[in-house]
């Protein structure tokens, strides 16, 4: 279980790092004029690959939660992490992905680009908060999992 917990924590760390990158960029990007915003958005070309560690974190988190069933210290934390990762993914598909589709990954400028920008930016913010909660739940689970027992 320790290896599975480590893997889930590692994958969640990668996802969280990307999420924080979006969070820290948000204040500098949200007010940019149209052409500048569309130019800046091109720095995210290739970031779709971050779906790999995200799905990996979700899958390994589900397996971890099943494995930790019956362990009162780890199970609820693993379950919380999985729920947050899943909700973060749901937020992506509800807010971020439709904006990517409507703008052809920010290469086409529709009339409602400003509302799409708002959905995209705040969708990433919400997801990052959820991934942060997931990471902390996993970190606490790791601390609980690795505590020495009194039997020795």
N, C-alpha and C. Protein backbone atom coordinates (compact mmCIF):
# COMPACT_ATOMS: atom_id res chain seq x y z
N UNK A 1 0.82 -1.19 0.00
CA UNK A 1 0.00 0.00 0.00
C UNK A 1 0.87 1.26 0.00
N UNK A 2 2.03 1.22 0.62
CA UNK A 2 2.90 2.39 0.65
C UNK A 2 3.32 2.81 -0.76
N UNK A 3 3.65 1.84 -1.61
CA UNK A 3 4.05 2.15 -2.98
C UNK A 3 2.89 2.78 -3.75
N UNK A 4 1.70 2.27 -3.55
CA UNK A 4 0.52 2.81 -4.22
C UNK A 4 0.22 4.22 -3.74
N UNK A 5 0.35 4.44 -2.46
CA UNK A 5 0.15 5.77 -1.89
C UNK A 5 1.19 6.74 -2.45
N UNK A 6 2.44 6.29 -2.52
CA UNK A 6 3.50 7.13 -3.09
C UNK A 6 3.19 7.48 -4.54
N UNK A 7 2.80 6.50 -5.34
CA UNK A 7 2.48 6.75 -6.75
C UNK A 7 1.35 7.76 -6.89
N UNK A 8 0.30 7.58 -6.10
CA UNK A 8 -0.83 8.51 -6.17
C UNK A 8 -0.41 9.91 -5.75
N UNK A 9 0.40 9.99 -4.72
CA UNK A 9 0.90 11.30 -4.27
C UNK A 9 1.79 11.94 -5.32
N UNK A 10 2.65 11.16 -5.95
CA UNK A 10 3.53 11.68 -6.99
C UNK A 10 2.73 12.22 -8.18
N UNK A 11 1.78 11.43 -8.66
CA UNK A 11 0.97 11.87 -9.81
C UNK A 11 0.13 13.10 -9.46
N UNK A 12 -0.38 13.13 -8.25
CA UNK A 12 -1.17 14.29 -7.81
C UNK A 12 -0.28 15.52 -7.69
N UNK A 13 0.97 15.34 -7.31
CA UNK A 13 1.92 16.46 -7.23
C UNK A 13 2.14 17.08 -8.61
N UNK A 14 2.28 16.25 -9.62
CA UNK A 14 2.46 16.75 -10.99
C UNK A 14 1.24 17.55 -11.42
N UNK A 15 0.06 17.01 -11.15
CA UNK A 15 -1.19 17.68 -11.51
C UNK A 15 -1.32 19.00 -10.74
N UNK A 16 -0.98 18.97 -9.47
CA UNK A 16 -1.07 20.18 -8.64
C UNK A 16 -0.09 21.25 -9.11
N UNK A 17 1.10 20.85 -9.52
CA UNK A 17 2.08 21.82 -10.02
C UNK A 17 1.53 22.56 -11.24
N UNK A 18 0.92 21.83 -12.15
CA UNK A 18 0.32 22.47 -13.32
C UNK A 18 -0.83 23.38 -12.91
N UNK A 19 -1.62 22.91 -11.95
CA UNK A 19 -2.73 23.73 -11.46
C UNK A 19 -2.26 25.03 -10.84
N UNK A 20 -1.20 24.95 -10.04
CA UNK A 20 -0.66 26.17 -9.43
C UNK A 20 -0.07 27.11 -10.48
N UNK A 21 0.49 26.56 -11.55
CA UNK A 21 1.00 27.41 -12.63
C UNK A 21 -0.14 28.27 -13.19
N UNK A 22 -1.29 27.65 -13.38
CA UNK A 22 -2.46 28.41 -13.86
C UNK A 22 -2.91 29.44 -12.84
N UNK A 23 -2.93 29.06 -11.57
CA UNK A 23 -3.38 29.97 -10.52
C UNK A 23 -2.49 31.20 -10.45
N UNK A 24 -1.18 31.00 -10.50
CA UNK A 24 -0.27 32.13 -10.38
C UNK A 24 -0.26 33.00 -11.64
N UNK A 25 -0.62 32.42 -12.78
CA UNK A 25 -0.70 33.21 -14.02
C UNK A 25 -2.00 34.00 -14.12
N UNK A 26 -3.05 33.53 -13.46
CA UNK A 26 -4.38 34.13 -13.60
C UNK A 26 -4.40 35.65 -13.40
N UNK A 27 -3.86 36.19 -12.31
CA UNK A 27 -3.94 37.65 -12.12
C UNK A 27 -3.28 38.45 -13.25
N UNK A 28 -2.26 37.87 -13.85
CA UNK A 28 -1.55 38.58 -14.92
C UNK A 28 -2.23 38.43 -16.28
N UNK A 29 -3.08 37.41 -16.43
CA UNK A 29 -3.69 37.13 -17.73
C UNK A 29 -5.13 37.58 -17.85
N UNK A 30 -5.87 37.59 -16.75
CA UNK A 30 -7.32 37.77 -16.81
C UNK A 30 -7.73 39.11 -17.44
N UNK A 31 -6.91 40.11 -17.33
CA UNK A 31 -7.27 41.41 -17.89
C UNK A 31 -6.58 41.76 -19.20
N UNK A 32 -5.87 40.81 -19.77
CA UNK A 32 -5.16 41.10 -21.02
C UNK A 32 -6.13 41.41 -22.16
N UNK A 33 -5.73 42.30 -23.05
CA UNK A 33 -6.54 42.52 -24.26
C UNK A 33 -6.60 41.24 -25.09
N UNK A 34 -7.61 41.16 -25.93
CA UNK A 34 -7.89 39.97 -26.72
C UNK A 34 -6.66 39.38 -27.41
N UNK A 35 -5.98 40.15 -28.22
CA UNK A 35 -4.86 39.62 -29.00
C UNK A 35 -3.72 39.14 -28.11
N UNK A 36 -3.45 39.88 -27.05
CA UNK A 36 -2.40 39.47 -26.12
C UNK A 36 -2.79 38.17 -25.41
N UNK A 37 -4.06 38.06 -25.01
CA UNK A 37 -4.50 36.85 -24.32
C UNK A 37 -4.37 35.63 -25.23
N UNK A 38 -4.79 35.75 -26.47
CA UNK A 38 -4.70 34.62 -27.39
C UNK A 38 -3.24 34.25 -27.68
N UNK A 39 -2.37 35.24 -27.69
CA UNK A 39 -0.94 34.95 -27.88
C UNK A 39 -0.39 34.18 -26.67
N UNK A 40 -0.70 34.67 -25.48
CA UNK A 40 -0.20 34.04 -24.26
C UNK A 40 -0.73 32.61 -24.12
N UNK A 41 -1.95 32.38 -24.53
CA UNK A 41 -2.54 31.04 -24.38
C UNK A 41 -1.76 29.97 -25.16
N UNK A 42 -1.00 30.38 -26.13
CA UNK A 42 -0.24 29.40 -26.93
C UNK A 42 0.87 28.72 -26.14
N UNK A 43 1.22 29.28 -24.97
CA UNK A 43 2.24 28.62 -24.15
C UNK A 43 1.75 27.28 -23.61
N UNK A 44 0.44 27.04 -23.69
CA UNK A 44 -0.11 25.79 -23.17
C UNK A 44 -0.20 24.69 -24.22
N UNK A 45 0.32 24.93 -25.41
CA UNK A 45 0.35 23.85 -26.41
C UNK A 45 1.11 22.66 -25.83
N UNK A 46 0.52 21.51 -25.91
CA UNK A 46 1.14 20.30 -25.38
C UNK A 46 0.75 19.97 -23.96
N UNK A 47 0.07 20.88 -23.27
CA UNK A 47 -0.31 20.63 -21.89
C UNK A 47 -1.40 19.57 -21.77
N UNK A 48 -2.01 19.19 -22.88
CA UNK A 48 -3.01 18.12 -22.84
C UNK A 48 -2.39 16.83 -22.32
N UNK A 49 -1.07 16.70 -22.47
CA UNK A 49 -0.38 15.52 -21.97
C UNK A 49 -0.48 15.39 -20.44
N UNK A 50 -0.81 16.50 -19.78
CA UNK A 50 -0.99 16.43 -18.33
C UNK A 50 -2.23 15.63 -17.94
N UNK A 51 -3.03 15.30 -18.94
CA UNK A 51 -4.15 14.40 -18.69
C UNK A 51 -3.68 13.02 -18.29
N UNK A 52 -2.49 12.65 -18.71
CA UNK A 52 -1.95 11.32 -18.37
C UNK A 52 -1.73 11.18 -16.86
N UNK A 53 -0.97 12.09 -16.23
CA UNK A 53 -0.83 11.94 -14.77
C UNK A 53 -2.15 12.19 -14.03
N UNK A 54 -3.03 12.99 -14.60
CA UNK A 54 -4.31 13.24 -13.94
C UNK A 54 -5.15 11.95 -13.90
N UNK A 55 -5.27 11.30 -15.03
CA UNK A 55 -6.01 10.04 -15.06
C UNK A 55 -5.28 8.99 -14.23
N UNK A 56 -3.95 9.00 -14.28
CA UNK A 56 -3.17 8.08 -13.45
C UNK A 56 -3.42 8.30 -11.97
N UNK A 57 -3.48 9.56 -11.55
CA UNK A 57 -3.75 9.87 -10.14
C UNK A 57 -5.15 9.39 -9.75
N UNK A 58 -6.09 9.57 -10.63
CA UNK A 58 -7.45 9.12 -10.34
C UNK A 58 -7.51 7.60 -10.22
N UNK A 59 -6.92 6.92 -11.17
CA UNK A 59 -6.96 5.45 -11.15
C UNK A 59 -6.19 4.89 -9.95
N UNK A 60 -4.97 5.39 -9.74
CA UNK A 60 -4.19 4.88 -8.60
C UNK A 60 -4.87 5.26 -7.28
N UNK A 61 -5.53 6.41 -7.25
CA UNK A 61 -6.27 6.81 -6.06
C UNK A 61 -7.46 5.91 -5.77
N UNK A 62 -8.15 5.49 -6.83
CA UNK A 62 -9.27 4.57 -6.65
C UNK A 62 -8.76 3.23 -6.12
N UNK A 63 -7.66 2.73 -6.72
CA UNK A 63 -7.09 1.46 -6.26
C UNK A 63 -6.61 1.60 -4.81
N UNK A 64 -6.00 2.73 -4.49
CA UNK A 64 -5.56 2.98 -3.11
C UNK A 64 -6.74 2.96 -2.16
N UNK A 65 -7.81 3.62 -2.53
CA UNK A 65 -9.00 3.69 -1.67
C UNK A 65 -9.56 2.29 -1.43
N UNK A 66 -9.63 1.49 -2.48
CA UNK A 66 -10.13 0.11 -2.33
C UNK A 66 -9.19 -0.69 -1.44
N UNK A 67 -7.89 -0.52 -1.65
CA UNK A 67 -6.89 -1.24 -0.86
C UNK A 67 -6.95 -0.83 0.62
N UNK A 68 -7.23 0.44 0.87
CA UNK A 68 -7.22 0.97 2.24
C UNK A 68 -8.54 0.74 2.97
N UNK A 69 -9.51 0.12 2.29
CA UNK A 69 -10.80 -0.15 2.93
C UNK A 69 -10.57 -0.89 4.23
N UNK A 70 -11.22 -0.44 5.26
CA UNK A 70 -11.06 -1.07 6.57
C UNK A 70 -9.95 -0.47 7.41
N UNK A 71 -9.15 0.40 6.84
CA UNK A 71 -8.10 1.06 7.60
C UNK A 71 -8.59 2.46 7.96
N UNK A 72 -8.99 2.62 9.19
CA UNK A 72 -9.69 3.84 9.60
C UNK A 72 -8.85 5.11 9.45
N UNK A 73 -7.55 4.98 9.43
CA UNK A 73 -6.73 6.18 9.33
C UNK A 73 -6.48 6.62 7.88
N UNK A 74 -6.32 5.67 6.98
CA UNK A 74 -5.96 5.98 5.60
C UNK A 74 -7.17 6.07 4.69
N UNK A 75 -8.13 5.18 4.87
CA UNK A 75 -9.27 5.10 3.95
C UNK A 75 -9.99 6.43 3.74
N UNK A 76 -10.42 7.14 4.78
CA UNK A 76 -11.16 8.38 4.53
C UNK A 76 -10.33 9.45 3.81
N UNK A 77 -9.04 9.46 4.08
CA UNK A 77 -8.17 10.42 3.41
C UNK A 77 -7.99 10.07 1.93
N UNK A 78 -7.82 8.79 1.65
CA UNK A 78 -7.70 8.34 0.26
C UNK A 78 -9.01 8.62 -0.49
N UNK A 79 -10.13 8.37 0.16
CA UNK A 79 -11.43 8.62 -0.46
C UNK A 79 -11.61 10.12 -0.74
N UNK A 80 -11.24 10.96 0.21
CA UNK A 80 -11.32 12.41 0.00
C UNK A 80 -10.47 12.82 -1.19
N UNK A 81 -9.26 12.28 -1.28
CA UNK A 81 -8.37 12.62 -2.40
C UNK A 81 -8.99 12.22 -3.73
N UNK A 82 -9.53 11.01 -3.80
CA UNK A 82 -10.14 10.54 -5.04
C UNK A 82 -11.34 11.43 -5.43
N UNK A 83 -12.15 11.76 -4.45
CA UNK A 83 -13.30 12.62 -4.74
C UNK A 83 -12.86 13.99 -5.27
N UNK A 84 -11.82 14.56 -4.67
CA UNK A 84 -11.32 15.86 -5.12
C UNK A 84 -10.70 15.78 -6.51
N UNK A 85 -9.95 14.72 -6.77
CA UNK A 85 -9.36 14.56 -8.11
C UNK A 85 -10.47 14.38 -9.14
N UNK A 86 -11.46 13.56 -8.82
CA UNK A 86 -12.59 13.37 -9.72
C UNK A 86 -13.37 14.65 -9.95
N UNK A 87 -13.60 15.41 -8.88
CA UNK A 87 -14.30 16.69 -9.04
C UNK A 87 -13.47 17.68 -9.86
N UNK A 88 -12.16 17.68 -9.67
CA UNK A 88 -11.30 18.54 -10.47
C UNK A 88 -11.40 18.21 -11.95
N UNK A 89 -11.45 16.93 -12.25
CA UNK A 89 -11.62 16.49 -13.63
C UNK A 89 -12.99 16.89 -14.17
N UNK A 90 -14.01 16.77 -13.34
CA UNK A 90 -15.37 17.19 -13.74
C UNK A 90 -15.41 18.69 -14.02
N UNK A 91 -14.75 19.48 -13.19
CA UNK A 91 -14.69 20.93 -13.42
C UNK A 91 -14.00 21.21 -14.75
N UNK A 92 -12.93 20.47 -15.03
CA UNK A 92 -12.24 20.65 -16.31
C UNK A 92 -13.20 20.43 -17.47
N UNK A 93 -13.95 19.34 -17.43
CA UNK A 93 -14.85 19.05 -18.54
C UNK A 93 -16.07 19.96 -18.58
N UNK A 94 -16.43 20.55 -17.45
CA UNK A 94 -17.57 21.46 -17.42
C UNK A 94 -17.21 22.88 -17.83
N UNK A 95 -16.01 23.33 -17.49
CA UNK A 95 -15.64 24.74 -17.72
C UNK A 95 -14.50 24.92 -18.72
N UNK A 96 -13.41 24.22 -18.51
CA UNK A 96 -12.20 24.45 -19.28
C UNK A 96 -12.27 23.86 -20.68
N UNK A 97 -12.60 22.59 -20.76
CA UNK A 97 -12.63 21.90 -22.05
C UNK A 97 -13.57 22.56 -23.05
N UNK A 98 -14.79 22.96 -22.65
CA UNK A 98 -15.66 23.64 -23.63
C UNK A 98 -15.05 24.94 -24.17
N UNK A 99 -14.31 25.64 -23.32
CA UNK A 99 -13.65 26.88 -23.79
C UNK A 99 -12.55 26.53 -24.78
N UNK A 100 -11.81 25.46 -24.52
CA UNK A 100 -10.79 25.02 -25.47
C UNK A 100 -11.43 24.65 -26.80
N UNK A 101 -12.55 23.95 -26.75
CA UNK A 101 -13.24 23.53 -27.97
C UNK A 101 -13.78 24.74 -28.75
N UNK A 102 -14.39 25.67 -28.04
CA UNK A 102 -15.01 26.83 -28.70
C UNK A 102 -13.99 27.74 -29.35
N UNK A 103 -12.75 27.69 -28.87
CA UNK A 103 -11.70 28.56 -29.41
C UNK A 103 -10.67 27.79 -30.22
N UNK A 104 -10.93 26.52 -30.47
CA UNK A 104 -9.96 25.64 -31.14
C UNK A 104 -8.59 25.77 -30.46
N UNK A 105 -8.61 25.56 -29.14
CA UNK A 105 -7.41 25.71 -28.30
C UNK A 105 -6.79 27.09 -28.43
N UNK A 106 -7.66 28.09 -28.39
CA UNK A 106 -7.26 29.48 -28.36
C UNK A 106 -6.55 29.94 -29.62
N UNK A 107 -7.01 29.39 -30.76
CA UNK A 107 -6.50 29.84 -32.06
C UNK A 107 -7.60 30.52 -32.87
N UNK A 108 -8.84 30.40 -32.45
CA UNK A 108 -9.98 31.03 -33.11
C UNK A 108 -10.66 31.94 -32.10
N UNK A 109 -11.02 33.14 -32.52
CA UNK A 109 -11.59 34.12 -31.60
C UNK A 109 -13.10 34.24 -31.81
N UNK A 110 -13.89 33.59 -30.96
CA UNK A 110 -15.34 33.75 -31.06
C UNK A 110 -15.79 35.06 -30.40
N UNK A 111 -17.03 35.44 -30.66
CA UNK A 111 -17.55 36.69 -30.08
C UNK A 111 -17.55 36.66 -28.56
N UNK A 112 -17.82 35.53 -27.97
CA UNK A 112 -17.92 35.43 -26.52
C UNK A 112 -16.60 35.01 -25.86
N UNK A 113 -15.49 35.40 -26.46
CA UNK A 113 -14.18 34.96 -25.98
C UNK A 113 -13.93 35.38 -24.53
N UNK A 114 -14.47 36.55 -24.11
CA UNK A 114 -14.22 37.01 -22.75
C UNK A 114 -14.89 36.10 -21.71
N UNK A 115 -16.12 35.67 -21.98
CA UNK A 115 -16.77 34.76 -21.04
C UNK A 115 -16.08 33.39 -21.06
N UNK A 116 -15.60 32.98 -22.22
CA UNK A 116 -14.84 31.73 -22.30
C UNK A 116 -13.53 31.84 -21.51
N UNK A 117 -12.88 32.99 -21.60
CA UNK A 117 -11.65 33.21 -20.83
C UNK A 117 -11.94 33.10 -19.34
N UNK A 118 -13.03 33.71 -18.89
CA UNK A 118 -13.38 33.65 -17.48
C UNK A 118 -13.63 32.21 -17.05
N UNK A 119 -14.38 31.47 -17.82
CA UNK A 119 -14.64 30.06 -17.51
C UNK A 119 -13.34 29.26 -17.47
N UNK A 120 -12.46 29.50 -18.44
CA UNK A 120 -11.21 28.76 -18.53
C UNK A 120 -10.31 29.05 -17.33
N UNK A 121 -10.14 30.32 -17.03
CA UNK A 121 -9.24 30.71 -15.94
C UNK A 121 -9.77 30.25 -14.59
N UNK A 122 -11.04 30.49 -14.31
CA UNK A 122 -11.59 30.12 -13.01
C UNK A 122 -11.84 28.62 -12.90
N UNK A 123 -12.06 27.97 -14.02
CA UNK A 123 -12.13 26.51 -14.00
C UNK A 123 -10.82 25.91 -13.53
N UNK A 124 -9.71 26.46 -14.02
CA UNK A 124 -8.39 25.99 -13.57
C UNK A 124 -8.17 26.33 -12.09
N UNK A 125 -8.64 27.47 -11.65
CA UNK A 125 -8.49 27.84 -10.24
C UNK A 125 -9.24 26.86 -9.34
N UNK A 126 -10.49 26.57 -9.69
CA UNK A 126 -11.28 25.63 -8.89
C UNK A 126 -10.62 24.25 -8.87
N UNK A 127 -10.18 23.79 -10.03
CA UNK A 127 -9.51 22.49 -10.10
C UNK A 127 -8.25 22.48 -9.24
N UNK A 128 -7.48 23.54 -9.29
CA UNK A 128 -6.24 23.60 -8.50
C UNK A 128 -6.55 23.52 -7.00
N UNK A 129 -7.61 24.17 -6.57
CA UNK A 129 -8.00 24.10 -5.15
C UNK A 129 -8.35 22.65 -4.79
N UNK A 130 -9.09 21.99 -5.66
CA UNK A 130 -9.46 20.59 -5.41
C UNK A 130 -8.23 19.68 -5.39
N UNK A 131 -7.29 19.91 -6.30
CA UNK A 131 -6.07 19.11 -6.32
C UNK A 131 -5.20 19.38 -5.09
N UNK A 132 -5.24 20.60 -4.60
CA UNK A 132 -4.51 20.95 -3.38
C UNK A 132 -5.09 20.19 -2.18
N UNK A 133 -6.41 20.14 -2.10
CA UNK A 133 -7.05 19.38 -1.03
C UNK A 133 -6.69 17.90 -1.16
N UNK A 134 -6.73 17.37 -2.39
CA UNK A 134 -6.38 15.97 -2.63
C UNK A 134 -4.94 15.70 -2.21
N UNK A 135 -4.03 16.58 -2.58
CA UNK A 135 -2.62 16.39 -2.23
C UNK A 135 -2.44 16.34 -0.71
N UNK A 136 -3.10 17.25 -0.03
CA UNK A 136 -2.98 17.28 1.43
C UNK A 136 -3.57 16.03 2.07
N UNK A 137 -4.70 15.56 1.55
CA UNK A 137 -5.29 14.33 2.07
C UNK A 137 -4.33 13.17 1.89
N UNK A 138 -3.69 13.09 0.72
CA UNK A 138 -2.72 12.02 0.47
C UNK A 138 -1.49 12.15 1.35
N UNK A 139 -1.03 13.37 1.57
CA UNK A 139 0.13 13.59 2.43
C UNK A 139 -0.18 13.15 3.86
N UNK A 140 -1.36 13.51 4.34
CA UNK A 140 -1.75 13.07 5.69
C UNK A 140 -1.91 11.55 5.74
N UNK A 141 -2.44 10.97 4.66
CA UNK A 141 -2.56 9.51 4.60
C UNK A 141 -1.17 8.86 4.65
N UNK A 142 -0.21 9.46 3.96
CA UNK A 142 1.16 8.92 3.98
C UNK A 142 1.74 9.00 5.38
N UNK A 143 1.48 10.08 6.08
CA UNK A 143 1.97 10.20 7.45
C UNK A 143 1.31 9.16 8.36
N UNK A 144 0.03 8.94 8.17
CA UNK A 144 -0.70 7.95 8.97
C UNK A 144 -0.27 6.53 8.63
N UNK A 145 -0.07 6.29 7.36
CA UNK A 145 0.30 4.95 6.87
C UNK A 145 1.67 4.54 7.40
N UNK A 146 2.53 5.49 7.56
CA UNK A 146 3.92 5.18 7.89
C UNK A 146 4.25 5.37 9.36
N UNK A 147 3.25 5.61 10.20
CA UNK A 147 3.50 5.75 11.63
C UNK A 147 3.96 4.41 12.19
N UNK A 148 4.93 4.42 13.07
CA UNK A 148 5.35 3.16 13.68
C UNK A 148 4.23 2.61 14.58
N UNK A 149 4.14 1.33 14.65
CA UNK A 149 3.13 0.73 15.50
C UNK A 149 3.68 0.50 16.90
N UNK A 150 2.81 0.40 17.86
CA UNK A 150 3.22 0.20 19.25
C UNK A 150 3.58 -1.26 19.53
N UNK A 151 3.26 -2.16 18.59
CA UNK A 151 3.49 -3.59 18.82
C UNK A 151 4.98 -3.96 18.83
N UNK A 152 5.84 -3.13 18.27
CA UNK A 152 7.25 -3.51 18.20
C UNK A 152 8.03 -3.20 19.43
